[in-house]
Structure formats: C-alpha cells, structure tokens
Amino acid sequence: TDLLFDGTTFQEFTAGRIATGNDHGGGDTLAAAVACALAHGYPVPEAVAFGKEWTRRCLAAAYDLGAGHGPVSPLWRLHLS
C-alpha cells in the first residue's frame, strides 16, 4: 500500500505484489507515468493511481536481461496474449 498526503488527508493506493526480480527502472517508470498523467490534466490522486497501475503492468511484463535485475517493460501494451 502506498500513501498520498495532500496536506490534509491521506489516500491509500493498494495493489497486489508482483513476484519478480526484474524491477530495474520501476521507480523511474512510476515517476514518468505520474508526470505524464499530470501533464494530461489528471488531478494528483488520479495521476498517482494511473502511475501505480501503469508500473504494476510494467512489472508484470518484466523480463530477464543480463545477470542482474532485469528491466520493467513499459511496452507491455504491445505484448500479444
């Protein structure tokens, strides 16, 4: 659960944990997704919710690459199921 404090109240953002060691770039992905949502005019709580969901999907689509932590996949929308 992540918390957002607006100076008055707290808002919780809860999501299930994704079991992966491939999380390289997750923080940057979250920050970029929130910034993009804000640039599109989303209010802050909705921008955070969007960024969290986007990052969750990127983590779910992460893959092994190299010897360390693999990258998240911001191209998850291109994966064919």
PDB file of N, CA and C in Angstrom:
ATOM      1  N   THR A   1       0.841  -1.179   0.000  1.00  0.00           N
ATOM      2  CA  THR A   1       0.000   0.000   0.000  1.00  0.00           C
ATOM      3  C   THR A   1       0.884   1.239   0.000  1.00  0.00           C
ATOM      4  N   ASP A   2       0.590   2.152  -0.890  1.00  0.00           N
ATOM      5  CA  ASP A   2       1.277   3.441  -0.935  1.00  0.00           C
ATOM      6  C   ASP A   2       0.328   4.495  -0.398  1.00  0.00           C
ATOM      7  N   LEU A   3       0.896   5.533   0.212  1.00  0.00           N
ATOM      8  CA  LEU A   3       0.107   6.619   0.776  1.00  0.00           C
ATOM      9  C   LEU A   3       0.404   7.920   0.056  1.00  0.00           C
ATOM     10  N   LEU A   4      -0.642   8.709  -0.172  1.00  0.00           N
ATOM     11  CA  LEU A   4      -0.516  10.049  -0.726  1.00  0.00           C
ATOM     12  C   LEU A   4      -1.103  11.004   0.303  1.00  0.00           C
ATOM     13  N   PHE A   5      -0.337  12.011   0.693  1.00  0.00           N
ATOM     14  CA  PHE A   5      -0.795  13.004   1.660  1.00  0.00           C
ATOM     15  C   PHE A   5      -0.892  14.337   0.953  1.00  0.00           C
ATOM     16  N   ASP A   6      -2.064  14.958   0.989  1.00  0.00           N
ATOM     17  CA  ASP A   6      -2.270  16.229   0.293  1.00  0.00           C
ATOM     18  C   ASP A   6      -2.161  17.439   1.213  1.00  0.00           C
ATOM     19  N   GLY A   7      -1.651  17.231   2.410  1.00  0.00           N
ATOM     20  CA  GLY A   7      -1.538  18.298   3.378  1.00  0.00           C
ATOM     21  C   GLY A   7      -2.653  18.256   4.406  1.00  0.00           C
ATOM     22  N   THR A   8      -3.694  17.514   4.096  1.00  0.00           N
ATOM     23  CA  THR A   8      -4.836  17.401   4.991  1.00  0.00           C
ATOM     24  C   THR A   8      -5.204  15.946   5.265  1.00  0.00           C
ATOM     25  N   THR A   9      -5.310  15.172   4.198  1.00  0.00           N
ATOM     26  CA  THR A   9      -5.746  13.782   4.332  1.00  0.00           C
ATOM     27  C   THR A   9      -4.781  12.836   3.629  1.00  0.00           C
ATOM     28  N   PHE A  10      -4.863  11.586   4.037  1.00  0.00           N
ATOM     29  CA  PHE A  10      -4.099  10.521   3.401  1.00  0.00           C
ATOM     30  C   PHE A  10      -5.023   9.748   2.462  1.00  0.00           C
ATOM     31  N   GLN A  11      -4.492   9.325   1.343  1.00  0.00           N
ATOM     32  CA  GLN A  11      -5.219   8.427   0.447  1.00  0.00           C
ATOM     33  C   GLN A  11      -4.345   7.205   0.222  1.00  0.00           C
ATOM     34  N   GLU A  12      -4.960   6.018   0.324  1.00  0.00           N
ATOM     35  CA  GLU A  12      -4.229   4.761   0.137  1.00  0.00           C
ATOM     36  C   GLU A  12      -4.388   4.256  -1.283  1.00  0.00           C
ATOM     37  N   PHE A  13      -3.308   3.693  -1.817  1.00  0.00           N
ATOM     38  CA  PHE A  13      -3.306   3.043  -3.122  1.00  0.00           C
ATOM     39  C   PHE A  13      -2.783   1.631  -2.897  1.00  0.00           C
ATOM     40  N   THR A  14      -3.673   0.661  -2.986  1.00  0.00           N
ATOM     41  CA  THR A  14      -3.338  -0.716  -2.674  1.00  0.00           C
ATOM     42  C   THR A  14      -3.384  -1.566  -3.940  1.00  0.00           C
ATOM     43  N   ALA A  15      -2.397  -2.433  -4.075  1.00  0.00           N
ATOM     44  CA  ALA A  15      -2.362  -3.383  -5.194  1.00  0.00           C
ATOM     45  C   ALA A  15      -1.592  -4.611  -4.732  1.00  0.00           C
ATOM     46  N   GLY A  16      -1.885  -5.735  -5.360  1.00  0.00           N
ATOM     47  CA  GLY A  16      -1.175  -6.962  -5.033  1.00  0.00           C
ATOM     48  C   GLY A  16       0.285  -6.895  -5.452  1.00  0.00           C
ATOM     49  N   ARG A  17       1.110  -7.624  -4.733  1.00  0.00           N
ATOM     50  CA  ARG A  17       2.541  -7.673  -5.036  1.00  0.00           C
ATOM     51  C   ARG A  17       2.770  -8.577  -6.237  1.00  0.00           C
ATOM     52  N   ILE A  18       3.669  -8.166  -7.116  1.00  0.00           N
ATOM     53  CA  ILE A  18       4.046  -8.969  -8.276  1.00  0.00           C
ATOM     54  C   ILE A  18       5.413  -9.576  -7.977  1.00  0.00           C
ATOM     55  N   ALA A  19       5.470 -10.884  -7.944  1.00  0.00           N
ATOM     56  CA  ALA A  19       6.709 -11.585  -7.607  1.00  0.00           C
ATOM     57  C   ALA A  19       7.637 -11.609  -8.817  1.00  0.00           C
ATOM     58  N   THR A  20       8.583 -10.682  -8.832  1.00  0.00           N
ATOM     59  CA  THR A  20       9.579 -10.646  -9.891  1.00  0.00           C
ATOM     60  C   THR A  20      10.846 -10.005  -9.358  1.00  0.00           C
ATOM     61  N   GLY A  21      11.968 -10.490  -9.819  1.00  0.00           N
ATOM     62  CA  GLY A  21      13.246  -9.860  -9.505  1.00  0.00           C
ATOM     63  C   GLY A  21      13.612  -8.840 -10.564  1.00  0.00           C
ATOM     64  N   ASN A  22      12.794  -8.757 -11.583  1.00  0.00           N
ATOM     65  CA  ASN A  22      13.066  -7.854 -12.702  1.00  0.00           C
ATOM     66  C   ASN A  22      12.298  -6.551 -12.494  1.00  0.00           C
ATOM     67  N   ASP A  23      12.924  -5.687 -11.685  1.00  0.00           N
ATOM     68  CA  ASP A  23      12.262  -4.442 -11.320  1.00  0.00           C
ATOM     69  C   ASP A  23      13.109  -3.206 -11.612  1.00  0.00           C
ATOM     70  N   HIS A  24      14.169  -3.395 -12.387  1.00  0.00           N
ATOM     71  CA  HIS A  24      15.056  -2.277 -12.703  1.00  0.00           C
ATOM     72  C   HIS A  24      14.280  -1.219 -13.487  1.00  0.00           C
ATOM     73  N   GLY A  25      14.295   0.010 -13.004  1.00  0.00           N
ATOM     74  CA  GLY A  25      13.596   1.100 -13.674  1.00  0.00           C
ATOM     75  C   GLY A  25      12.176   1.318 -13.174  1.00  0.00           C
ATOM     76  N   GLY A  26      11.760   0.564 -12.163  1.00  0.00           N
ATOM     77  CA  GLY A  26      10.397   0.696 -11.662  1.00  0.00           C
ATOM     78  C   GLY A  26      10.096   2.070 -11.083  1.00  0.00           C
ATOM     79  N   GLY A  27      11.025   2.623 -10.338  1.00  0.00           N
ATOM     80  CA  GLY A  27      10.815   3.948  -9.745  1.00  0.00           C
ATOM     81  C   GLY A  27      10.744   5.036 -10.795  1.00  0.00           C
ATOM     82  N   ASP A  28      11.647   4.971 -11.768  1.00  0.00           N
ATOM     83  CA  ASP A  28      11.634   5.944 -12.858  1.00  0.00           C
ATOM     84  C   ASP A  28      10.353   5.831 -13.672  1.00  0.00           C
ATOM     85  N   THR A  29       9.908   4.608 -13.888  1.00  0.00           N
ATOM     86  CA  THR A  29       8.674   4.371 -14.642  1.00  0.00           C
ATOM     87  C   THR A  29       7.484   4.973 -13.914  1.00  0.00           C
ATOM     88  N   LEU A  30       7.425   4.782 -12.599  1.00  0.00           N
ATOM     89  CA  LEU A  30       6.335   5.348 -11.807  1.00  0.00           C
ATOM     90  C   LEU A  30       6.349   6.874 -11.893  1.00  0.00           C
ATOM     91  N   ALA A  31       7.515   7.479 -11.705  1.00  0.00           N
ATOM     92  CA  ALA A  31       7.619   8.938 -11.752  1.00  0.00           C
ATOM     93  C   ALA A  31       7.212   9.488 -13.120  1.00  0.00           C
ATOM     94  N   ALA A  32       7.665   8.841 -14.183  1.00  0.00           N
ATOM     95  CA  ALA A  32       7.328   9.301 -15.530  1.00  0.00           C
ATOM     96  C   ALA A  32       5.837   9.156 -15.813  1.00  0.00           C
ATOM     97  N   ALA A  33       5.238   8.058 -15.367  1.00  0.00           N
ATOM     98  CA  ALA A  33       3.806   7.842 -15.608  1.00  0.00           C
ATOM     99  C   ALA A  33       2.968   8.873 -14.858  1.00  0.00           C
ATOM    100  N   VAL A  34       3.334   9.180 -13.623  1.00  0.00           N
ATOM    101  CA  VAL A  34       2.604  10.193 -12.859  1.00  0.00           C
ATOM    102  C   VAL A  34       2.769  11.556 -13.518  1.00  0.00           C
ATOM    103  N   ALA A  35       3.995  11.893 -13.923  1.00  0.00           N
ATOM    104  CA  ALA A  35       4.243  13.181 -14.578  1.00  0.00           C
ATOM    105  C   ALA A  35       3.448  13.310 -15.878  1.00  0.00           C
ATOM    106  N   CYS A  36       3.392  12.240 -16.647  1.00  0.00           N
ATOM    107  CA  CYS A  36       2.622  12.262 -17.903  1.00  0.00           C
ATOM    108  C   CYS A  36       1.133  12.461 -17.637  1.00  0.00           C
ATOM    109  N   ALA A  37       0.606  11.771 -16.628  1.00  0.00           N
ATOM    110  CA  ALA A  37      -0.810  11.924 -16.291  1.00  0.00           C
ATOM    111  C   ALA A  37      -1.098  13.353 -15.838  1.00  0.00           C
ATOM    112  N   LEU A  38      -0.195  13.942 -15.052  1.00  0.00           N
ATOM    113  CA  LEU A  38      -0.371  15.329 -14.629  1.00  0.00           C
ATOM    114  C   LEU A  38      -0.347  16.267 -15.834  1.00  0.00           C
ATOM    115  N   ALA A  39       0.556  16.009 -16.780  1.00  0.00           N
ATOM    116  CA  ALA A  39       0.647  16.832 -17.987  1.00  0.00           C
ATOM    117  C   ALA A  39      -0.623  16.738 -18.831  1.00  0.00           C
ATOM    118  N   HIS A  40      -1.315  15.622 -18.729  1.00  0.00           N
ATOM    119  CA  HIS A  40      -2.581  15.435 -19.454  1.00  0.00           C
ATOM    120  C   HIS A  40      -3.775  15.991 -18.679  1.00  0.00           C
ATOM    121  N   GLY A  41      -3.515  16.599 -17.528  1.00  0.00           N
ATOM    122  CA  GLY A  41      -4.572  17.252 -16.783  1.00  0.00           C
ATOM    123  C   GLY A  41      -5.245  16.440 -15.697  1.00  0.00           C
ATOM    124  N   TYR A  42      -4.712  15.250 -15.408  1.00  0.00           N
ATOM    125  CA  TYR A  42      -5.286  14.450 -14.321  1.00  0.00           C
ATOM    126  C   TYR A  42      -5.064  15.176 -12.995  1.00  0.00           C
ATOM    127  N   PRO A  43      -6.032  15.135 -12.091  1.00  0.00           N
ATOM    128  CA  PRO A  43      -5.774  15.609 -10.725  1.00  0.00           C
ATOM    129  C   PRO A  43      -4.737  14.689 -10.065  1.00  0.00           C
ATOM    130  N   VAL A  44      -4.052  15.192  -9.046  1.00  0.00           N
ATOM    131  CA  VAL A  44      -2.951  14.435  -8.430  1.00  0.00           C
ATOM    132  C   VAL A  44      -3.351  13.022  -8.007  1.00  0.00           C
ATOM    133  N   PRO A  45      -4.454  12.817  -7.274  1.00  0.00           N
ATOM    134  CA  PRO A  45      -4.769  11.434  -6.857  1.00  0.00           C
ATOM    135  C   PRO A  45      -4.984  10.495  -8.051  1.00  0.00           C
ATOM    136  N   GLU A  46      -5.626  10.975  -9.101  1.00  0.00           N
ATOM    137  CA  GLU A  46      -5.858  10.142 -10.281  1.00  0.00           C
ATOM    138  C   GLU A  46      -4.555   9.888 -11.041  1.00  0.00           C
ATOM    139  N   ALA A  47      -3.659  10.880 -11.044  1.00  0.00           N
ATOM    140  CA  ALA A  47      -2.356  10.705 -11.694  1.00  0.00           C
ATOM    141  C   ALA A  47      -1.534   9.643 -10.968  1.00  0.00           C
ATOM    142  N   VAL A  48      -1.582   9.656  -9.646  1.00  0.00           N
ATOM    143  CA  VAL A  48      -0.860   8.648  -8.861  1.00  0.00           C
ATOM    144  C   VAL A  48      -1.459   7.267  -9.101  1.00  0.00           C
ATOM    145  N   ALA A  49      -2.786   7.178  -9.124  1.00  0.00           N
ATOM    146  CA  ALA A  49      -3.437   5.885  -9.389  1.00  0.00           C
ATOM    147  C   ALA A  49      -3.054   5.371 -10.771  1.00  0.00           C
ATOM    148  N   PHE A  50      -3.038   6.254 -11.771  1.00  0.00           N
ATOM    149  CA  PHE A  50      -2.631   5.861 -13.115  1.00  0.00           C
ATOM    150  C   PHE A  50      -1.190   5.363 -13.116  1.00  0.00           C
ATOM    151  N   GLY A  51      -0.297   6.120 -12.496  1.00  0.00           N
ATOM    152  CA  GLY A  51       1.121   5.739 -12.462  1.00  0.00           C
ATOM    153  C   GLY A  51       1.349   4.417 -11.764  1.00  0.00           C
ATOM    154  N   LYS A  52       0.634   4.197 -10.686  1.00  0.00           N
ATOM    155  CA  LYS A  52       0.786   2.931  -9.959  1.00  0.00           C
ATOM    156  C   LYS A  52       0.306   1.754 -10.807  1.00  0.00           C
ATOM    157  N   GLU A  53      -0.826   1.911 -11.478  1.00  0.00           N
ATOM    158  CA  GLU A  53      -1.338   0.832 -12.330  1.00  0.00           C
ATOM    159  C   GLU A  53      -0.416   0.591 -13.525  1.00  0.00           C
ATOM    160  N   TRP A  54       0.076   1.664 -14.131  1.00  0.00           N
ATOM    161  CA  TRP A  54       0.994   1.535 -15.270  1.00  0.00           C
ATOM    162  C   TRP A  54       2.237   0.760 -14.839  1.00  0.00           C
ATOM    163  N   THR A  55       2.800   1.137 -13.698  1.00  0.00           N
ATOM    164  CA  THR A  55       4.009   0.471 -13.209  1.00  0.00           C
ATOM    165  C   THR A  55       3.735  -0.975 -12.853  1.00  0.00           C
ATOM    166  N   ARG A  56       2.565  -1.261 -12.285  1.00  0.00           N
ATOM    167  CA  ARG A  56       2.197  -2.648 -11.969  1.00  0.00           C
ATOM    168  C   ARG A  56       2.183  -3.490 -13.240  1.00  0.00           C
ATOM    169  N   ARG A  57       1.629  -2.950 -14.296  1.00  0.00           N
ATOM    170  CA  ARG A  57       1.595  -3.688 -15.562  1.00  0.00           C
ATOM    171  C   ARG A  57       2.995  -3.849 -16.158  1.00  0.00           C
ATOM    172  N   CYS A  58       3.840  -2.831 -16.001  1.00  0.00           N
ATOM    173  CA  CYS A  58       5.227  -2.926 -16.467  1.00  0.00           C
ATOM    174  C   CYS A  58       5.986  -4.006 -15.711  1.00  0.00           C
ATOM    175  N   LEU A  59       5.743  -4.116 -14.412  1.00  0.00           N
ATOM    176  CA  LEU A  59       6.372  -5.165 -13.608  1.00  0.00           C
ATOM    177  C   LEU A  59       5.879  -6.545 -14.025  1.00  0.00           C
ATOM    178  N   ALA A  60       4.593  -6.666 -14.301  1.00  0.00           N
ATOM    179  CA  ALA A  60       4.025  -7.954 -14.703  1.00  0.00           C
ATOM    180  C   ALA A  60       4.610  -8.421 -16.032  1.00  0.00           C
ATOM    181  N   ALA A  61       5.034  -7.484 -16.880  1.00  0.00           N
ATOM    182  CA  ALA A  61       5.585  -7.830 -18.186  1.00  0.00           C
ATOM    183  C   ALA A  61       7.116  -7.824 -18.198  1.00  0.00           C
ATOM    184  N   ALA A  62       7.745  -7.658 -17.018  1.00  0.00           N
ATOM    185  CA  ALA A  62       9.206  -7.593 -16.929  1.00  0.00           C
ATOM    186  C   ALA A  62       9.838  -8.895 -17.415  1.00  0.00           C
ATOM    187  N   TYR A  63      11.089  -8.806 -17.818  1.00  0.00           N
ATOM    188  CA  TYR A  63      11.771  -9.976 -18.378  1.00  0.00           C
ATOM    189  C   TYR A  63      13.227 -10.022 -17.934  1.00  0.00           C
ATOM    190  N   ASP A  64      13.818 -11.217 -18.014  1.00  0.00           N
ATOM    191  CA  ASP A  64      15.230 -11.402 -17.681  1.00  0.00           C
ATOM    192  C   ASP A  64      16.088 -10.777 -18.766  1.00  0.00           C
ATOM    193  N   LEU A  65      17.095 -10.028 -18.338  1.00  0.00           N
ATOM    194  CA  LEU A  65      18.048  -9.443 -19.276  1.00  0.00           C
ATOM    195  C   LEU A  65      19.347  -9.219 -18.519  1.00  0.00           C
ATOM    196  N   GLY A  66      20.401  -9.836 -18.949  1.00  0.00           N
ATOM    197  CA  GLY A  66      21.676  -9.691 -18.270  1.00  0.00           C
ATOM    198  C   GLY A  66      21.752 -10.544 -17.012  1.00  0.00           C
ATOM    199  N   ALA A  67      22.706 -10.197 -16.145  1.00  0.00           N
ATOM    200  CA  ALA A  67      22.964 -11.013 -14.969  1.00  0.00           C
ATOM    201  C   ALA A  67      22.295 -10.483 -13.704  1.00  0.00           C
ATOM    202  N   GLY A  68      21.830  -9.253 -13.727  1.00  0.00           N
ATOM    203  CA  GLY A  68      21.223  -8.679 -12.523  1.00  0.00           C
ATOM    204  C   GLY A  68      19.721  -8.594 -12.644  1.00  0.00           C
ATOM    205  N   HIS A  69      19.194  -7.572 -12.018  1.00  0.00           N
ATOM    206  CA  HIS A  69      17.751  -7.322 -12.105  1.00  0.00           C
ATOM    207  C   HIS A  69      17.417  -6.914 -13.536  1.00  0.00           C
ATOM    208  N   GLY A  70      16.462  -7.596 -14.131  1.00  0.00           N
ATOM    209  CA  GLY A  70      16.024  -7.228 -15.466  1.00  0.00           C
ATOM    210  C   GLY A  70      15.139  -5.992 -15.417  1.00  0.00           C
ATOM    211  N   PRO A  71      14.861  -5.403 -16.573  1.00  0.00           N
ATOM    212  CA  PRO A  71      14.072  -4.183 -16.617  1.00  0.00           C
ATOM    213  C   PRO A  71      12.569  -4.446 -16.578  1.00  0.00           C
ATOM    214  N   VAL A  72      11.843  -3.450 -16.084  1.00  0.00           N
ATOM    215  CA  VAL A  72      10.394  -3.484 -16.245  1.00  0.00           C
ATOM    216  C   VAL A  72      10.124  -3.272 -17.735  1.00  0.00           C
ATOM    217  N   SER A  73       8.944  -3.594 -18.189  1.00  0.00           N
ATOM    218  CA  SER A  73       8.646  -3.457 -19.607  1.00  0.00           C
ATOM    219  C   SER A  73       7.532  -2.440 -19.848  1.00  0.00           C
ATOM    220  N   PRO A  74       7.897  -1.182 -20.152  1.00  0.00           N
ATOM    221  CA  PRO A  74       6.878  -0.186 -20.445  1.00  0.00           C
ATOM    222  C   PRO A  74       6.176  -0.437 -21.776  1.00  0.00           C
ATOM    223  N   LEU A  75       6.623  -1.448 -22.478  1.00  0.00           N
ATOM    224  CA  LEU A  75       5.983  -1.817 -23.747  1.00  0.00           C
ATOM    225  C   LEU A  75       4.976  -2.943 -23.551  1.00  0.00           C
ATOM    226  N   TRP A  76       4.470  -3.104 -22.329  1.00  0.00           N
ATOM    227  CA  TRP A  76       3.526  -4.186 -22.025  1.00  0.00           C
ATOM    228  C   TRP A  76       2.313  -4.151 -22.924  1.00  0.00           C
ATOM    229  N   ARG A  77       1.914  -2.987 -23.394  1.00  0.00           N
ATOM    230  CA  ARG A  77       0.719  -2.893 -24.243  1.00  0.00           C
ATOM    231  C   ARG A  77       0.935  -3.549 -25.594  1.00  0.00           C
ATOM    232  N   LEU A  78       2.193  -3.746 -25.973  1.00  0.00           N
ATOM    233  CA  LEU A  78       2.496  -4.369 -27.262  1.00  0.00           C
ATOM    234  C   LEU A  78       2.569  -5.880 -27.189  1.00  0.00           C
ATOM    235  N   HIS A  79       2.584  -6.436 -25.981  1.00  0.00           N
ATOM    236  CA  HIS A  79       2.655  -7.888 -25.810  1.00  0.00           C
ATOM    237  C   HIS A  79       1.334  -8.508 -26.246  1.00  0.00           C
ATOM    238  N   LEU A  80       1.429  -9.504 -27.086  1.00  0.00           N
ATOM    239  CA  LEU A  80       0.222 -10.200 -27.553  1.00  0.00           C
ATOM    240  C   LEU A  80      -0.043 -11.386 -26.648  1.00  0.00           C
ATOM    241  N   SER A  81      -1.254 -11.515 -26.220  1.00  0.00           N
ATOM    242  CA  SER A  81      -1.602 -12.638 -25.337  1.00  0.00           C
ATOM    243  C   SER A  81      -2.402 -13.659 -26.095  1.00  0.00           C
TER     244      SER A  81
END
